[in-house]
Amino acid sequence: MNAINKRKRSKEEIILLLMCALSIPSILPFGIYRLIQHTWLSAIIDLVIVGGVSCVMAYVWLTGRVKVASLLATIFYSFGMVAAIYVKGINLIYWTYPTMISAFFMLRPNIALAINAVSLSALVAILISQVPLLNLFTITITFILINLFSYIFSHRTAIQHNELHREAERDFLTGVGNRRALERHLAKYVDSAGEWVESSVLLLDIDHFKRVNDRFGHAVGDAVLVSLCELIRSRTRTSDKIFRYGGEEFIIIAHAADLRSARGLADDLRSLVAGAAIIENYPITISIGVACMEEDQAPSEWLARADQMLYLAKQSGRNAVMVAE
């Protein structure tokens, strides 16, 4: 239980828990009141919604899984709203607004819009015989506008969030992934539920980079880092991922590449950099350590073996490639 309580909760999880926590005290008093008034059907609808939302809240609190839980909670809200209006009529139509808006807080915009469209269709079918046509048209238009505005806002927010997320995981100088992005990418391999794909990690370091900074200045040193990343991009596939590990060290995750293929890539990169005139009349070389990403090992072990190979490449005289067999 202590491990559950100490687990860091995602923002999606917190939003869903808050939505459920706000819904229960908002609906439960009506259910109790209708029980006292012996309006059994309305009371049952309210209490079923409260019970369902409580179960969703407990599930999310214990497991942290929000995708299915968010969908179920939204369906509970929407079903309860439609059922309540079917039983009590137009007087409960105002509950439709918060219910539809809440869907966009819990689900992706497209899914929320689809569920609300189904709910709106059901409401039109229920109300068409209860209210004048002009009033029904007005109600329908307001619901459509509410959904469109919520969709636009939710979609724009998602775009901004993704842009911020990408910027937070990008090295500001070279444009490749940073250490945070590397950790997330390695975690994907560990958490992958599908068939394991043999891949390799390449850890490379610019030889004697401090001498470059000391002789030419940090501006030139930065330009060397940028040029190196451009050269790496020119030889790697779109499925390969490049990360700045720190200073002048970079990591390449060669997806679906065994040690033989990874060694070929490393040799190609080493030759490419050695032959490139990154600084005129001044040689720039790299050393590379290569290791296989074993399924039964942790990412820290993959990086440790690649680091050991990089050390051996440095010890062998630099401008070399060493592979952990």
C-alpha atoms as a PDB file:
ATOM      1  CA  MET A   1       0.000   0.000   0.000  1.00  0.00           C
ATOM      2  CA  ASN A   2       2.877   2.401   0.772  1.00  0.00           C
ATOM      3  CA  ALA A   3       4.263   1.834  -2.726  1.00  0.00           C
ATOM      4  CA  ILE A   4       0.873   2.784  -4.211  1.00  0.00           C
ATOM      5  CA  ASN A   5       0.658   5.968  -2.173  1.00  0.00           C
ATOM      6  CA  LYS A   6       4.228   7.004  -3.012  1.00  0.00           C
ATOM      7  CA  ARG A   7       3.852   6.406  -6.739  1.00  0.00           C
ATOM      8  CA  LYS A   8       4.004   9.631  -8.715  1.00  0.00           C
ATOM      9  CA  ARG A   9       0.663  10.177 -10.413  1.00  0.00           C
ATOM     10  CA  SER A  10       0.399  11.462 -13.968  1.00  0.00           C
ATOM     11  CA  LYS A  11      -1.528  14.613 -14.792  1.00  0.00           C
ATOM     12  CA  GLU A  12      -4.133  12.519 -16.652  1.00  0.00           C
ATOM     13  CA  GLU A  13      -4.615  10.416 -13.534  1.00  0.00           C
ATOM     14  CA  ILE A  14      -4.983  13.480 -11.307  1.00  0.00           C
ATOM     15  CA  ILE A  15      -7.533  15.079 -13.662  1.00  0.00           C
ATOM     16  CA  LEU A  16      -9.630  11.910 -13.773  1.00  0.00           C
ATOM     17  CA  LEU A  17      -9.524  11.484  -9.984  1.00  0.00           C
ATOM     18  CA  LEU A  18     -10.562  15.115  -9.493  1.00  0.00           C
ATOM     19  CA  MET A  19     -13.419  14.777 -11.982  1.00  0.00           C
ATOM     20  CA  CYS A  20     -14.688  11.678 -10.174  1.00  0.00           C
ATOM     21  CA  ALA A  21     -14.226  13.278  -6.754  1.00  0.00           C
ATOM     22  CA  LEU A  22     -16.256  16.315  -7.829  1.00  0.00           C
ATOM     23  CA  SER A  23     -18.968  14.253  -9.485  1.00  0.00           C
ATOM     24  CA  ILE A  24     -19.791  12.039  -6.514  1.00  0.00           C
ATOM     25  CA  PRO A  25     -20.821  14.808  -4.071  1.00  0.00           C
ATOM     26  CA  SER A  26     -22.581  16.624  -6.931  1.00  0.00           C
ATOM     27  CA  ILE A  27     -24.835  13.672  -7.809  1.00  0.00           C
ATOM     28  CA  LEU A  28     -25.167  11.708  -4.555  1.00  0.00           C
ATOM     29  CA  PRO A  29     -27.390  14.260  -2.725  1.00  0.00           C
ATOM     30  CA  PHE A  30     -29.903  14.129  -5.583  1.00  0.00           C
ATOM     31  CA  GLY A  31     -29.962  10.346  -5.408  1.00  0.00           C
ATOM     32  CA  ILE A  32     -30.591  10.407  -1.668  1.00  0.00           C
ATOM     33  CA  TYR A  33     -33.271  13.070  -2.007  1.00  0.00           C
ATOM     34  CA  ARG A  34     -35.077  11.073  -4.712  1.00  0.00           C
ATOM     35  CA  LEU A  35     -34.962   7.969  -2.528  1.00  0.00           C
ATOM     36  CA  ILE A  36     -36.650   9.945   0.236  1.00  0.00           C
ATOM     37  CA  GLN A  37     -39.228  11.199  -2.284  1.00  0.00           C
ATOM     38  CA  HIS A  38     -39.777   7.620  -3.549  1.00  0.00           C
ATOM     39  CA  THR A  39     -38.889   8.543  -7.123  1.00  0.00           C
ATOM     40  CA  TRP A  40     -37.193   5.194  -7.451  1.00  0.00           C
ATOM     41  CA  LEU A  41     -36.145   5.184 -11.093  1.00  0.00           C
ATOM     42  CA  SER A  42     -34.442   8.576 -10.918  1.00  0.00           C
ATOM     43  CA  ALA A  43     -32.803   7.609  -7.636  1.00  0.00           C
ATOM     44  CA  ILE A  44     -31.491   4.367  -9.117  1.00  0.00           C
ATOM     45  CA  ILE A  45     -30.009   6.233 -12.093  1.00  0.00           C
ATOM     46  CA  ASP A  46     -28.205   8.669  -9.787  1.00  0.00           C
ATOM     47  CA  LEU A  47     -26.902   5.943  -7.483  1.00  0.00           C
ATOM     48  CA  VAL A  48     -25.752   3.761 -10.390  1.00  0.00           C
ATOM     49  CA  ILE A  49     -23.750   6.694 -11.731  1.00  0.00           C
ATOM     50  CA  VAL A  50     -22.248   7.334  -8.290  1.00  0.00           C
ATOM     51  CA  GLY A  51     -21.419   3.649  -7.878  1.00  0.00           C
ATOM     52  CA  GLY A  52     -19.869   3.365 -11.314  1.00  0.00           C
ATOM     53  CA  VAL A  53     -17.787   6.516 -10.893  1.00  0.00           C
ATOM     54  CA  SER A  54     -16.666   5.340  -7.435  1.00  0.00           C
ATOM     55  CA  CYS A  55     -15.467   2.047  -8.932  1.00  0.00           C
ATOM     56  CA  VAL A  56     -13.598   3.907 -11.664  1.00  0.00           C
ATOM     57  CA  MET A  57     -12.003   6.191  -9.075  1.00  0.00           C
ATOM     58  CA  ALA A  58     -10.884   3.242  -6.919  1.00  0.00           C
ATOM     59  CA  TYR A  59      -9.481   1.443  -9.983  1.00  0.00           C
ATOM     60  CA  VAL A  60      -7.459   4.468 -11.072  1.00  0.00           C
ATOM     61  CA  TRP A  61      -6.241   5.142  -7.525  1.00  0.00           C
ATOM     62  CA  LEU A  62      -4.930   1.588  -7.178  1.00  0.00           C
ATOM     63  CA  THR A  63      -3.580   0.956 -10.677  1.00  0.00           C
ATOM     64  CA  GLY A  64      -2.877   4.341 -12.241  1.00  0.00           C
ATOM     65  CA  ARG A  65      -4.399   3.164 -15.539  1.00  0.00           C
ATOM     66  CA  VAL A  66      -6.463   5.961 -16.988  1.00  0.00           C
ATOM     67  CA  LYS A  67      -7.252   5.201 -20.652  1.00  0.00           C
ATOM     68  CA  VAL A  68     -10.012   2.631 -20.176  1.00  0.00           C
ATOM     69  CA  ALA A  69     -11.087   4.252 -16.898  1.00  0.00           C
ATOM     70  CA  SER A  70     -11.567   7.638 -18.591  1.00  0.00           C
ATOM     71  CA  LEU A  71     -13.680   6.051 -21.306  1.00  0.00           C
ATOM     72  CA  LEU A  72     -15.842   4.211 -18.758  1.00  0.00           C
ATOM     73  CA  ALA A  73     -16.308   7.326 -16.623  1.00  0.00           C
ATOM     74  CA  THR A  74     -17.383   9.362 -19.651  1.00  0.00           C
ATOM     75  CA  ILE A  75     -19.834   6.643 -20.705  1.00  0.00           C
ATOM     76  CA  PHE A  76     -21.266   6.558 -17.168  1.00  0.00           C
ATOM     77  CA  TYR A  77     -21.759  10.335 -17.189  1.00  0.00           C
ATOM     78  CA  SER A  78     -23.300  10.379 -20.665  1.00  0.00           C
ATOM     79  CA  PHE A  79     -25.593   7.418 -20.025  1.00  0.00           C
ATOM     80  CA  GLY A  80     -26.723   8.888 -16.728  1.00  0.00           C
ATOM     81  CA  MET A  81     -27.420  12.258 -18.317  1.00  0.00           C
ATOM     82  CA  VAL A  82     -29.482  10.769 -21.150  1.00  0.00           C
ATOM     83  CA  ALA A  83     -31.333   8.391 -18.811  1.00  0.00           C
ATOM     84  CA  ALA A  84     -32.136  11.174 -16.331  1.00  0.00           C
ATOM     85  CA  ILE A  85     -33.544  13.433 -19.071  1.00  0.00           C
ATOM     86  CA  TYR A  86     -35.539  10.515 -20.469  1.00  0.00           C
ATOM     87  CA  VAL A  87     -37.116   9.955 -17.026  1.00  0.00           C
ATOM     88  CA  LYS A  88     -37.479  13.562 -15.779  1.00  0.00           C
ATOM     89  CA  GLY A  89     -37.726  15.456 -19.057  1.00  0.00           C
ATOM     90  CA  ILE A  90     -36.469  18.858 -20.165  1.00  0.00           C
ATOM     91  CA  ASN A  91     -36.000  20.108 -16.587  1.00  0.00           C
ATOM     92  CA  LEU A  92     -32.645  18.281 -16.333  1.00  0.00           C
ATOM     93  CA  ILE A  93     -31.275  19.503 -19.659  1.00  0.00           C
ATOM     94  CA  TYR A  94     -28.794  21.804 -17.894  1.00  0.00           C
ATOM     95  CA  TRP A  95     -26.783  18.774 -16.746  1.00  0.00           C
ATOM     96  CA  THR A  96     -25.882  18.195 -20.373  1.00  0.00           C
ATOM     97  CA  TYR A  97     -23.444  21.128 -20.524  1.00  0.00           C
ATOM     98  CA  PRO A  98     -20.997  20.061 -17.765  1.00  0.00           C
ATOM     99  CA  THR A  99     -21.308  16.427 -18.849  1.00  0.00           C
ATOM    100  CA  MET A 100     -20.296  17.139 -22.429  1.00  0.00           C
ATOM    101  CA  ILE A 101     -17.508  19.523 -21.466  1.00  0.00           C
ATOM    102  CA  SER A 102     -16.072  17.026 -18.951  1.00  0.00           C
ATOM    103  CA  ALA A 103     -15.606  14.475 -21.748  1.00  0.00           C
ATOM    104  CA  PHE A 104     -12.938  16.689 -23.314  1.00  0.00           C
ATOM    105  CA  PHE A 105     -11.018  16.791 -20.030  1.00  0.00           C
ATOM    106  CA  MET A 106     -10.845  13.000 -19.811  1.00  0.00           C
ATOM    107  CA  LEU A 107     -10.553  11.784 -23.413  1.00  0.00           C
ATOM    108  CA  ARG A 108      -8.848  12.667 -26.660  1.00  0.00           C
ATOM    109  CA  PRO A 109     -10.851  15.315 -28.539  1.00  0.00           C
ATOM    110  CA  ASN A 110     -11.993  12.959 -31.314  1.00  0.00           C
ATOM    111  CA  ILE A 111     -13.307  10.319 -28.896  1.00  0.00           C
ATOM    112  CA  ALA A 112     -15.004  12.905 -26.673  1.00  0.00           C
ATOM    113  CA  LEU A 113     -16.689  14.467 -29.696  1.00  0.00           C
ATOM    114  CA  ALA A 114     -17.907  11.068 -30.926  1.00  0.00           C
ATOM    115  CA  ILE A 115     -19.431  10.130 -27.548  1.00  0.00           C
ATOM    116  CA  ASN A 116     -21.097  13.524 -27.239  1.00  0.00           C
ATOM    117  CA  ALA A 117     -22.497  13.204 -30.757  1.00  0.00           C
ATOM    118  CA  VAL A 118     -24.145   9.918 -29.790  1.00  0.00           C
ATOM    119  CA  SER A 119     -25.526  11.498 -26.617  1.00  0.00           C
ATOM    120  CA  LEU A 120     -26.845  14.488 -28.539  1.00  0.00           C
ATOM    121  CA  SER A 121     -28.583  12.214 -31.047  1.00  0.00           C
ATOM    122  CA  ALA A 122     -30.266  10.354 -28.192  1.00  0.00           C
ATOM    123  CA  LEU A 123     -31.340  13.627 -26.573  1.00  0.00           C
ATOM    124  CA  VAL A 124     -32.878  14.903 -29.810  1.00  0.00           C
ATOM    125  CA  ALA A 125     -34.810  11.665 -30.142  1.00  0.00           C
ATOM    126  CA  ILE A 126     -36.079  12.001 -26.554  1.00  0.00           C
ATOM    127  CA  LEU A 127     -36.987  15.697 -26.692  1.00  0.00           C
ATOM    128  CA  ILE A 128     -38.490  15.910 -30.168  1.00  0.00           C
ATOM    129  CA  SER A 129     -41.939  15.021 -28.811  1.00  0.00           C
ATOM    130  CA  GLN A 130     -41.591  17.109 -25.622  1.00  0.00           C
ATOM    131  CA  VAL A 131     -40.545  20.591 -26.746  1.00  0.00           C
ATOM    132  CA  PRO A 132     -41.458  22.897 -29.632  1.00  0.00           C
ATOM    133  CA  LEU A 133     -39.339  22.452 -32.722  1.00  0.00           C
ATOM    134  CA  LEU A 134     -37.784  25.922 -32.467  1.00  0.00           C
ATOM    135  CA  ASN A 135     -36.747  25.311 -28.845  1.00  0.00           C
ATOM    136  CA  LEU A 136     -35.288  21.946 -29.772  1.00  0.00           C
ATOM    137  CA  PHE A 137     -33.361  23.550 -32.611  1.00  0.00           C
ATOM    138  CA  THR A 138     -31.965  26.194 -30.216  1.00  0.00           C
ATOM    139  CA  ILE A 139     -30.940  23.562 -27.670  1.00  0.00           C
ATOM    140  CA  THR A 140     -29.279  21.460 -30.367  1.00  0.00           C
ATOM    141  CA  ILE A 141     -27.323  24.382 -31.783  1.00  0.00           C
ATOM    142  CA  THR A 142     -26.034  25.383 -28.341  1.00  0.00           C
ATOM    143  CA  PHE A 143     -24.882  21.808 -27.688  1.00  0.00           C
ATOM    144  CA  ILE A 144     -23.144  21.694 -31.060  1.00  0.00           C
ATOM    145  CA  LEU A 145     -21.370  25.000 -30.347  1.00  0.00           C
ATOM    146  CA  ILE A 146     -20.327  23.841 -26.875  1.00  0.00           C
ATOM    147  CA  ASN A 147     -18.799  20.720 -28.401  1.00  0.00           C
ATOM    148  CA  LEU A 148     -17.074  22.589 -31.220  1.00  0.00           C
ATOM    149  CA  PHE A 149     -15.556  25.177 -28.878  1.00  0.00           C
ATOM    150  CA  SER A 150     -14.466  22.441 -26.441  1.00  0.00           C
ATOM    151  CA  TYR A 151     -12.992  20.413 -29.288  1.00  0.00           C
ATOM    152  CA  ILE A 152     -11.008  23.370 -30.649  1.00  0.00           C
ATOM    153  CA  PHE A 153      -9.704  24.290 -27.193  1.00  0.00           C
ATOM    154  CA  SER A 154      -8.801  20.690 -26.342  1.00  0.00           C
ATOM    155  CA  HIS A 155      -7.140  20.116 -29.710  1.00  0.00           C
ATOM    156  CA  ARG A 156      -5.112  23.314 -29.464  1.00  0.00           C
ATOM    157  CA  THR A 157      -4.049  22.468 -25.912  1.00  0.00           C
ATOM    158  CA  ALA A 158      -2.928  18.997 -27.032  1.00  0.00           C
ATOM    159  CA  ILE A 159      -0.832  20.515 -29.841  1.00  0.00           C
ATOM    160  CA  GLN A 160       0.824  22.962 -27.430  1.00  0.00           C
ATOM    161  CA  HIS A 161       1.486  20.176 -24.933  1.00  0.00           C
ATOM    162  CA  ASN A 162       3.129  18.008 -27.593  1.00  0.00           C
ATOM    163  CA  GLU A 163       5.278  20.908 -28.777  1.00  0.00           C
ATOM    164  CA  LEU A 164       6.424  21.657 -25.227  1.00  0.00           C
ATOM    165  CA  HIS A 165       7.100  17.969 -24.650  1.00  0.00           C
ATOM    166  CA  ARG A 166       9.252  17.768 -27.772  1.00  0.00           C
ATOM    167  CA  GLU A 167      11.189  20.885 -26.803  1.00  0.00           C
ATOM    168  CA  ALA A 168      11.763  19.521 -23.282  1.00  0.00           C
ATOM    169  CA  GLU A 169      13.339  16.397 -24.787  1.00  0.00           C
ATOM    170  CA  ARG A 170      15.510  18.106 -27.377  1.00  0.00           C
ATOM    171  CA  ASP A 171      19.092  19.276 -26.950  1.00  0.00           C
ATOM    172  CA  PHE A 172      18.965  23.022 -27.579  1.00  0.00           C
ATOM    173  CA  LEU A 173      22.304  23.132 -29.410  1.00  0.00           C
ATOM    174  CA  THR A 174      22.319  20.108 -31.703  1.00  0.00           C
ATOM    175  CA  GLY A 175      18.599  19.392 -32.047  1.00  0.00           C
ATOM    176  CA  VAL A 176      18.990  15.707 -31.142  1.00  0.00           C
ATOM    177  CA  GLY A 177      17.311  14.102 -28.146  1.00  0.00           C
ATOM    178  CA  ASN A 178      18.593  14.939 -24.687  1.00  0.00           C
ATOM    179  CA  ARG A 179      19.169  12.658 -21.716  1.00  0.00           C
ATOM    180  CA  ARG A 180      15.544  12.848 -20.659  1.00  0.00           C
ATOM    181  CA  ALA A 181      14.448  11.680 -24.097  1.00  0.00           C
ATOM    182  CA  LEU A 182      17.003   8.871 -23.943  1.00  0.00           C
ATOM    183  CA  GLU A 183      15.635   7.601 -20.634  1.00  0.00           C
ATOM    184  CA  ARG A 184      12.077   7.618 -21.971  1.00  0.00           C
ATOM    185  CA  HIS A 185      13.128   5.851 -25.174  1.00  0.00           C
ATOM    186  CA  LEU A 186      15.022   3.134 -23.297  1.00  0.00           C
ATOM    187  CA  ALA A 187      12.062   2.663 -20.965  1.00  0.00           C
ATOM    188  CA  LYS A 188       9.889   1.933 -24.016  1.00  0.00           C
ATOM    189  CA  TYR A 189      12.088  -1.044 -24.838  1.00  0.00           C
ATOM    190  CA  VAL A 190      11.780  -2.390 -21.305  1.00  0.00           C
ATOM    191  CA  ASP A 191       8.014  -1.832 -21.126  1.00  0.00           C
ATOM    192  CA  SER A 192       7.312  -3.180 -24.614  1.00  0.00           C
ATOM    193  CA  ALA A 193       4.674  -5.919 -24.439  1.00  0.00           C
ATOM    194  CA  GLY A 194       5.330  -7.153 -27.973  1.00  0.00           C
ATOM    195  CA  GLU A 195       8.011  -9.425 -29.376  1.00  0.00           C
ATOM    196  CA  TRP A 196      11.534  -8.333 -28.450  1.00  0.00           C
ATOM    197  CA  VAL A 197      13.416  -6.665 -31.307  1.00  0.00           C
ATOM    198  CA  GLU A 198      17.175  -7.092 -31.182  1.00  0.00           C
ATOM    199  CA  SER A 199      18.771  -3.636 -31.198  1.00  0.00           C
ATOM    200  CA  SER A 200      22.109  -2.076 -30.345  1.00  0.00           C
ATOM    201  CA  VAL A 201      23.452   0.979 -28.574  1.00  0.00           C
ATOM    202  CA  LEU A 202      26.392   3.030 -29.820  1.00  0.00           C
ATOM    203  CA  LEU A 203      28.156   5.378 -27.413  1.00  0.00           C
ATOM    204  CA  LEU A 204      30.494   7.781 -29.181  1.00  0.00           C
ATOM    205  CA  ASP A 205      32.804  10.504 -27.961  1.00  0.00           C
ATOM    206  CA  ILE A 206      34.788  13.192 -29.783  1.00  0.00           C
ATOM    207  CA  ASP A 207      38.489  12.580 -29.280  1.00  0.00           C
ATOM    208  CA  HIS A 208      40.389  15.327 -27.464  1.00  0.00           C
ATOM    209  CA  PHE A 209      37.427  17.678 -27.608  1.00  0.00           C
ATOM    210  CA  LYS A 210      38.809  19.805 -24.776  1.00  0.00           C
ATOM    211  CA  ARG A 211      41.740  20.704 -27.002  1.00  0.00           C
ATOM    212  CA  VAL A 212      39.281  22.004 -29.602  1.00  0.00           C
ATOM    213  CA  ASN A 213      37.649  24.309 -27.050  1.00  0.00           C
ATOM    214  CA  ASP A 214      40.990  25.442 -25.658  1.00  0.00           C
ATOM    215  CA  ARG A 215      42.500  26.204 -29.072  1.00  0.00           C
ATOM    216  CA  PHE A 216      39.529  27.539 -31.052  1.00  0.00           C
ATOM    217  CA  GLY A 217      37.051  28.624 -28.392  1.00  0.00           C
ATOM    218  CA  HIS A 218      33.669  27.314 -27.307  1.00  0.00           C
ATOM    219  CA  ALA A 219      31.838  28.776 -30.304  1.00  0.00           C
ATOM    220  CA  VAL A 220      33.877  26.574 -32.632  1.00  0.00           C
ATOM    221  CA  GLY A 221      33.432  23.672 -30.231  1.00  0.00           C
ATOM    222  CA  ASP A 222      29.675  24.121 -30.444  1.00  0.00           C
ATOM    223  CA  ALA A 223      29.872  24.212 -34.233  1.00  0.00           C
ATOM    224  CA  VAL A 224      31.786  20.916 -34.154  1.00  0.00           C
ATOM    225  CA  LEU A 225      29.009  19.318 -32.105  1.00  0.00           C
ATOM    226  CA  VAL A 226      26.382  20.541 -34.554  1.00  0.00           C
ATOM    227  CA  SER A 227      28.374  19.337 -37.571  1.00  0.00           C
ATOM    228  CA  LEU A 228      28.913  15.948 -35.950  1.00  0.00           C
ATOM    229  CA  CYS A 229      25.168  15.486 -35.446  1.00  0.00           C
ATOM    230  CA  GLU A 230      24.531  16.413 -39.070  1.00  0.00           C
ATOM    231  CA  LEU A 231      27.012  13.756 -40.160  1.00  0.00           C
ATOM    232  CA  ILE A 232      25.390  11.171 -37.890  1.00  0.00           C
ATOM    233  CA  ARG A 233      21.948  11.984 -39.285  1.00  0.00           C
ATOM    234  CA  SER A 234      23.253  11.511 -42.822  1.00  0.00           C
ATOM    235  CA  ARG A 235      24.221   7.893 -42.081  1.00  0.00           C
ATOM    236  CA  THR A 236      21.452   6.729 -39.731  1.00  0.00           C
ATOM    237  CA  ARG A 237      17.948   5.527 -40.527  1.00  0.00           C
ATOM    238  CA  THR A 238      14.757   7.239 -39.453  1.00  0.00           C
ATOM    239  CA  SER A 239      14.185   4.346 -37.042  1.00  0.00           C
ATOM    240  CA  ASP A 240      17.523   5.041 -35.324  1.00  0.00           C
ATOM    241  CA  LYS A 241      17.474   7.573 -32.506  1.00  0.00           C
ATOM    242  CA  ILE A 242      20.263  10.010 -31.636  1.00  0.00           C
ATOM    243  CA  PHE A 243      20.761  11.522 -28.177  1.00  0.00           C
ATOM    244  CA  ARG A 244      23.285  13.849 -26.597  1.00  0.00           C
ATOM    245  CA  TYR A 245      24.440  11.962 -23.530  1.00  0.00           C
ATOM    246  CA  GLY A 246      26.532  14.770 -22.093  1.00  0.00           C
ATOM    247  CA  GLY A 247      29.227  17.187 -23.242  1.00  0.00           C
ATOM    248  CA  GLU A 248      30.765  15.666 -26.371  1.00  0.00           C
ATOM    249  CA  GLU A 249      29.235  12.205 -25.855  1.00  0.00           C
ATOM    250  CA  PHE A 250      26.353  10.954 -27.990  1.00  0.00           C
ATOM    251  CA  ILE A 251      24.270   7.791 -28.016  1.00  0.00           C
ATOM    252  CA  ILE A 252      22.661   6.126 -31.015  1.00  0.00           C
ATOM    253  CA  ILE A 253      19.940   3.527 -30.515  1.00  0.00           C
ATOM    254  CA  ALA A 254      20.156   1.399 -33.662  1.00  0.00           C
ATOM    255  CA  HIS A 255      16.705  -0.160 -33.806  1.00  0.00           C
ATOM    256  CA  ALA A 256      16.467  -3.733 -35.097  1.00  0.00           C
ATOM    257  CA  ALA A 257      20.223  -3.825 -35.656  1.00  0.00           C
ATOM    258  CA  ASP A 258      22.309  -6.751 -34.418  1.00  0.00           C
ATOM    259  CA  LEU A 259      25.950  -6.336 -33.399  1.00  0.00           C
ATOM    260  CA  ARG A 260      27.212  -6.961 -36.921  1.00  0.00           C
ATOM    261  CA  SER A 261      24.999  -4.229 -38.381  1.00  0.00           C
ATOM    262  CA  ALA A 262      25.765  -1.890 -35.498  1.00  0.00           C
ATOM    263  CA  ARG A 263      29.486  -2.397 -35.977  1.00  0.00           C
ATOM    264  CA  GLY A 264      29.110  -1.579 -39.663  1.00  0.00           C
ATOM    265  CA  LEU A 265      27.291   1.629 -38.746  1.00  0.00           C
ATOM    266  CA  ALA A 266      29.954   2.537 -36.177  1.00  0.00           C
ATOM    267  CA  ASP A 267      32.815   1.949 -38.637  1.00  0.00           C
ATOM    268  CA  ASP A 268      30.993   4.010 -41.251  1.00  0.00           C
ATOM    269  CA  LEU A 269      30.480   6.900 -38.830  1.00  0.00           C
ATOM    270  CA  ARG A 270      34.080   6.788 -37.632  1.00  0.00           C
ATOM    271  CA  SER A 271      35.401   6.927 -41.211  1.00  0.00           C
ATOM    272  CA  LEU A 272      32.935   9.631 -42.188  1.00  0.00           C
ATOM    273  CA  VAL A 273      33.918  11.924 -39.327  1.00  0.00           C
ATOM    274  CA  ALA A 274      37.660  11.302 -39.788  1.00  0.00           C
ATOM    275  CA  GLY A 275      37.391  12.220 -43.465  1.00  0.00           C
ATOM    276  CA  ALA A 276      35.208  15.288 -42.993  1.00  0.00           C
ATOM    277  CA  ALA A 277      36.784  18.744 -42.825  1.00  0.00           C
ATOM    278  CA  ILE A 278      34.801  19.840 -39.791  1.00  0.00           C
ATOM    279  CA  ILE A 279      37.624  22.258 -38.894  1.00  0.00           C
ATOM    280  CA  GLU A 280      39.958  23.250 -41.688  1.00  0.00           C
ATOM    281  CA  ASN A 281      43.437  21.710 -41.301  1.00  0.00           C
ATOM    282  CA  TYR A 282      42.554  20.226 -37.915  1.00  0.00           C
ATOM    283  CA  PRO A 283      41.533  16.560 -37.588  1.00  0.00           C
ATOM    284  CA  ILE A 284      38.344  15.657 -35.720  1.00  0.00           C
ATOM    285  CA  THR A 285      37.889  12.000 -34.868  1.00  0.00           C
ATOM    286  CA  ILE A 286      35.527   9.944 -32.735  1.00  0.00           C
ATOM    287  CA  SER A 287      35.738   6.750 -30.711  1.00  0.00           C
ATOM    288  CA  ILE A 288      32.730   4.455 -30.429  1.00  0.00           C
ATOM    289  CA  GLY A 289      31.668   1.694 -28.062  1.00  0.00           C
ATOM    290  CA  VAL A 290      28.987  -0.727 -29.257  1.00  0.00           C
ATOM    291  CA  ALA A 291      26.827  -3.111 -27.216  1.00  0.00           C
ATOM    292  CA  CYS A 292      23.761  -5.229 -27.851  1.00  0.00           C
ATOM    293  CA  MET A 293      20.573  -4.380 -25.949  1.00  0.00           C
ATOM    294  CA  GLU A 294      19.946  -7.744 -24.284  1.00  0.00           C
ATOM    295  CA  GLU A 295      16.333  -8.503 -23.343  1.00  0.00           C
ATOM    296  CA  ASP A 296      17.248  -9.825 -19.893  1.00  0.00           C
ATOM    297  CA  GLN A 297      19.296  -6.755 -18.950  1.00  0.00           C
ATOM    298  CA  ALA A 298      18.385  -3.296 -17.696  1.00  0.00           C
ATOM    299  CA  PRO A 299      19.118  -0.167 -19.777  1.00  0.00           C
ATOM    300  CA  SER A 300      21.832   0.790 -17.283  1.00  0.00           C
ATOM    301  CA  GLU A 301      23.643  -2.454 -18.153  1.00  0.00           C
ATOM    302  CA  TRP A 302      23.400  -1.746 -21.891  1.00  0.00           C
ATOM    303  CA  LEU A 303      24.945   1.685 -21.379  1.00  0.00           C
ATOM    304  CA  ALA A 304      27.582   0.339 -18.978  1.00  0.00           C
ATOM    305  CA  ARG A 305      28.801  -2.219 -21.548  1.00  0.00           C
ATOM    306  CA  ALA A 306      28.835   0.405 -24.304  1.00  0.00           C
ATOM    307  CA  ASP A 307      30.756   2.740 -21.997  1.00  0.00           C
ATOM    308  CA  GLN A 308      33.275  -0.006 -21.264  1.00  0.00           C
ATOM    309  CA  MET A 309      33.793  -0.517 -24.992  1.00  0.00           C
ATOM    310  CA  LEU A 310      34.219   3.229 -25.488  1.00  0.00           C
ATOM    311  CA  TYR A 311      36.896   3.208 -22.783  1.00  0.00           C
ATOM    312  CA  LEU A 312      38.732   0.409 -24.598  1.00  0.00           C
ATOM    313  CA  ALA A 313      38.463   2.334 -27.875  1.00  0.00           C
ATOM    314  CA  LYS A 314      40.071   5.345 -26.176  1.00  0.00           C
ATOM    315  CA  GLN A 315      42.772   3.164 -24.651  1.00  0.00           C
ATOM    316  CA  SER A 316      43.570   1.629 -28.043  1.00  0.00           C
ATOM    317  CA  GLY A 317      44.612   5.018 -29.420  1.00  0.00           C
ATOM    318  CA  ARG A 318      41.267   6.656 -30.224  1.00  0.00           C
ATOM    319  CA  ASN A 319      39.598   6.979 -33.639  1.00  0.00           C
ATOM    320  CA  ALA A 320      38.485   3.399 -33.073  1.00  0.00           C
ATOM    321  CA  VAL A 321      35.448   1.166 -32.646  1.00  0.00           C
ATOM    322  CA  MET A 322      35.123  -1.515 -29.959  1.00  0.00           C
ATOM    323  CA  VAL A 323      32.232  -3.986 -29.781  1.00  0.00           C
ATOM    324  CA  ALA A 324      31.023  -5.966 -26.761  1.00  0.00           C
ATOM    325  CA  GLU A 325      30.808  -9.514 -28.152  1.00  0.00           C
END
